[in-house]
């Protein structure tokens, strides 16, 4: 009795190719090679969008407000020395986060006579 293959040659070759592609895809998924190629071309992630000008502006304002809050938390006293220390801390924080200086930073209090 002759053994009958249930798949003929072209179908078997197609299935072998699909299995090979599937195993390669799984290997790349586990190693993360596919992800690094996507992030190299799209820095915001897969289908991510670049933030709008309004979102960038809001982020900058929020960081500037955070610098102001931190300066008052570090130097809460309302003396001339405290105002100077807050001013220095505020300028350093803004500089560290690449933000423009603010005009409303604390000015040294006038001296009493």
C-alpha atoms as a PDB file:
ATOM      1  CA  UNK A   1       0.000   0.000   0.000  1.00  0.00           C
ATOM      2  CA  UNK A   2       1.347   3.386  -1.005  1.00  0.00           C
ATOM      3  CA  UNK A   3       1.567   6.075   1.675  1.00  0.00           C
ATOM      4  CA  UNK A   4      -0.524   9.121   0.724  1.00  0.00           C
ATOM      5  CA  UNK A   5       0.580  12.554   1.777  1.00  0.00           C
ATOM      6  CA  UNK A   6      -2.305  14.714   2.808  1.00  0.00           C
ATOM      7  CA  UNK A   7      -0.461  17.797   1.517  1.00  0.00           C
ATOM      8  CA  UNK A   8       1.012  18.123  -1.909  1.00  0.00           C
ATOM      9  CA  UNK A   9       4.398  19.786  -2.455  1.00  0.00           C
ATOM     10  CA  UNK A  10       3.291  23.458  -3.033  1.00  0.00           C
ATOM     11  CA  UNK A  11       1.006  23.519  -0.006  1.00  0.00           C
ATOM     12  CA  UNK A  12       3.646  21.974   2.253  1.00  0.00           C
ATOM     13  CA  UNK A  13       6.208  24.552   1.111  1.00  0.00           C
ATOM     14  CA  UNK A  14       3.778  27.399   1.858  1.00  0.00           C
ATOM     15  CA  UNK A  15       3.020  26.079   5.329  1.00  0.00           C
ATOM     16  CA  UNK A  16       6.739  25.631   6.049  1.00  0.00           C
ATOM     17  CA  UNK A  17       7.388  29.237   5.054  1.00  0.00           C
ATOM     18  CA  UNK A  18       4.545  30.507   7.231  1.00  0.00           C
ATOM     19  CA  UNK A  19       5.832  28.553  10.223  1.00  0.00           C
ATOM     20  CA  UNK A  20       9.323  29.940   9.671  1.00  0.00           C
ATOM     21  CA  UNK A  21       8.000  33.510   9.477  1.00  0.00           C
ATOM     22  CA  UNK A  22       5.909  32.960  12.600  1.00  0.00           C
ATOM     23  CA  UNK A  23       8.913  31.702  14.575  1.00  0.00           C
ATOM     24  CA  UNK A  24      11.043  34.648  13.394  1.00  0.00           C
ATOM     25  CA  UNK A  25       8.302  37.070  14.409  1.00  0.00           C
ATOM     26  CA  UNK A  26       8.046  35.533  17.878  1.00  0.00           C
ATOM     27  CA  UNK A  27      11.827  35.636  18.300  1.00  0.00           C
ATOM     28  CA  UNK A  28      11.927  39.323  17.384  1.00  0.00           C
ATOM     29  CA  UNK A  29       9.051  40.073  19.738  1.00  0.00           C
ATOM     30  CA  UNK A  30      10.850  38.454  22.653  1.00  0.00           C
ATOM     31  CA  UNK A  31      14.198  40.094  21.948  1.00  0.00           C
ATOM     32  CA  UNK A  32      12.705  43.535  21.362  1.00  0.00           C
ATOM     33  CA  UNK A  33      14.493  44.086  18.051  1.00  0.00           C
ATOM     34  CA  UNK A  34      11.266  45.157  16.388  1.00  0.00           C
ATOM     35  CA  UNK A  35      10.538  47.760  19.058  1.00  0.00           C
ATOM     36  CA  UNK A  36      13.908  49.474  18.785  1.00  0.00           C
ATOM     37  CA  UNK A  37      13.444  49.892  15.051  1.00  0.00           C
ATOM     38  CA  UNK A  38      10.080  51.583  15.606  1.00  0.00           C
ATOM     39  CA  UNK A  39      11.314  53.966  18.288  1.00  0.00           C
ATOM     40  CA  UNK A  40      14.271  55.003  16.152  1.00  0.00           C
ATOM     41  CA  UNK A  41      11.941  56.384  13.491  1.00  0.00           C
ATOM     42  CA  UNK A  42       9.076  57.469  15.771  1.00  0.00           C
ATOM     43  CA  UNK A  43      10.357  58.983  19.048  1.00  0.00           C
ATOM     44  CA  UNK A  44       6.879  59.391  20.502  1.00  0.00           C
ATOM     45  CA  UNK A  45       6.145  55.666  20.206  1.00  0.00           C
ATOM     46  CA  UNK A  46       4.006  53.725  17.830  1.00  0.00           C
ATOM     47  CA  UNK A  47       1.448  56.080  16.241  1.00  0.00           C
ATOM     48  CA  UNK A  48       2.323  58.734  18.808  1.00  0.00           C
ATOM     49  CA  UNK A  49       1.969  62.351  17.871  1.00  0.00           C
ATOM     50  CA  UNK A  50       4.312  65.194  18.543  1.00  0.00           C
ATOM     51  CA  UNK A  51       2.914  67.512  21.227  1.00  0.00           C
ATOM     52  CA  UNK A  52       1.223  70.679  19.996  1.00  0.00           C
ATOM     53  CA  UNK A  53       2.531  74.154  20.750  1.00  0.00           C
ATOM     54  CA  UNK A  54      -0.171  74.573  23.386  1.00  0.00           C
ATOM     55  CA  UNK A  55       0.842  71.351  25.138  1.00  0.00           C
ATOM     56  CA  UNK A  56       4.501  72.392  25.094  1.00  0.00           C
ATOM     57  CA  UNK A  57       3.596  75.806  26.500  1.00  0.00           C
ATOM     58  CA  UNK A  58       1.445  74.286  29.247  1.00  0.00           C
ATOM     59  CA  UNK A  59       4.252  71.926  30.202  1.00  0.00           C
ATOM     60  CA  UNK A  60       6.688  74.840  30.459  1.00  0.00           C
ATOM     61  CA  UNK A  61       4.285  76.902  32.588  1.00  0.00           C
ATOM     62  CA  UNK A  62       3.618  73.951  34.885  1.00  0.00           C
ATOM     63  CA  UNK A  63       7.343  73.356  35.380  1.00  0.00           C
ATOM     64  CA  UNK A  64       7.859  77.048  36.070  1.00  0.00           C
ATOM     65  CA  UNK A  65       5.084  76.953  38.699  1.00  0.00           C
ATOM     66  CA  UNK A  66       6.675  73.853  40.220  1.00  0.00           C
ATOM     67  CA  UNK A  67       9.977  75.707  40.542  1.00  0.00           C
ATOM     68  CA  UNK A  68       8.184  78.535  42.340  1.00  0.00           C
ATOM     69  CA  UNK A  69       6.442  76.152  44.738  1.00  0.00           C
ATOM     70  CA  UNK A  70       9.693  74.359  45.507  1.00  0.00           C
ATOM     71  CA  UNK A  71      11.469  77.651  46.215  1.00  0.00           C
ATOM     72  CA  UNK A  72       8.799  78.645  48.750  1.00  0.00           C
ATOM     73  CA  UNK A  73       8.887  75.190  50.346  1.00  0.00           C
ATOM     74  CA  UNK A  74      12.660  75.366  50.767  1.00  0.00           C
ATOM     75  CA  UNK A  75      12.724  78.972  52.019  1.00  0.00           C
ATOM     76  CA  UNK A  76       9.346  79.779  53.617  1.00  0.00           C
ATOM     77  CA  UNK A  77      10.386  82.803  55.690  1.00  0.00           C
ATOM     78  CA  UNK A  78       9.534  86.324  54.499  1.00  0.00           C
ATOM     79  CA  UNK A  79      12.809  87.985  55.327  1.00  0.00           C
ATOM     80  CA  UNK A  80      15.208  89.700  52.943  1.00  0.00           C
ATOM     81  CA  UNK A  81      17.574  86.739  53.228  1.00  0.00           C
ATOM     82  CA  UNK A  82      14.743  84.287  52.476  1.00  0.00           C
ATOM     83  CA  UNK A  83      13.662  86.316  49.449  1.00  0.00           C
ATOM     84  CA  UNK A  84      17.218  86.296  48.074  1.00  0.00           C
ATOM     85  CA  UNK A  85      17.559  82.538  48.612  1.00  0.00           C
ATOM     86  CA  UNK A  86      14.185  81.918  46.915  1.00  0.00           C
ATOM     87  CA  UNK A  87      15.272  84.086  44.009  1.00  0.00           C
ATOM     88  CA  UNK A  88      18.554  82.195  43.586  1.00  0.00           C
ATOM     89  CA  UNK A  89      16.817  78.811  43.859  1.00  0.00           C
ATOM     90  CA  UNK A  90      14.124  79.881  41.387  1.00  0.00           C
ATOM     91  CA  UNK A  91      16.674  81.044  38.802  1.00  0.00           C
ATOM     92  CA  UNK A  92      18.715  77.834  39.185  1.00  0.00           C
ATOM     93  CA  UNK A  93      15.614  75.652  38.837  1.00  0.00           C
ATOM     94  CA  UNK A  94      14.472  77.492  35.713  1.00  0.00           C
ATOM     95  CA  UNK A  95      17.959  77.258  34.242  1.00  0.00           C
ATOM     96  CA  UNK A  96      18.159  73.542  35.049  1.00  0.00           C
ATOM     97  CA  UNK A  97      14.900  72.888  33.181  1.00  0.00           C
ATOM     98  CA  UNK A  98      15.881  75.115  30.228  1.00  0.00           C
ATOM     99  CA  UNK A  99      13.100  77.629  30.904  1.00  0.00           C
ATOM    100  CA  UNK A 100      13.221  81.405  30.415  1.00  0.00           C
ATOM    101  CA  UNK A 101      13.709  83.546  33.520  1.00  0.00           C
ATOM    102  CA  UNK A 102      10.609  85.031  35.096  1.00  0.00           C
ATOM    103  CA  UNK A 103      10.156  88.732  35.703  1.00  0.00           C
ATOM    104  CA  UNK A 104       8.135  88.214  38.861  1.00  0.00           C
ATOM    105  CA  UNK A 105      10.880  86.553  40.887  1.00  0.00           C
ATOM    106  CA  UNK A 106      11.369  87.968  44.339  1.00  0.00           C
ATOM    107  CA  UNK A 107      13.290  91.201  44.430  1.00  0.00           C
ATOM    108  CA  UNK A 108      15.439  92.034  47.439  1.00  0.00           C
ATOM    109  CA  UNK A 109      13.441  93.924  50.020  1.00  0.00           C
ATOM    110  CA  UNK A 110      14.441  97.561  50.534  1.00  0.00           C
ATOM    111  CA  UNK A 111      16.665  98.193  53.534  1.00  0.00           C
ATOM    112  CA  UNK A 112      15.166  99.860  56.560  1.00  0.00           C
ATOM    113  CA  UNK A 113      16.701 103.098  57.677  1.00  0.00           C
END
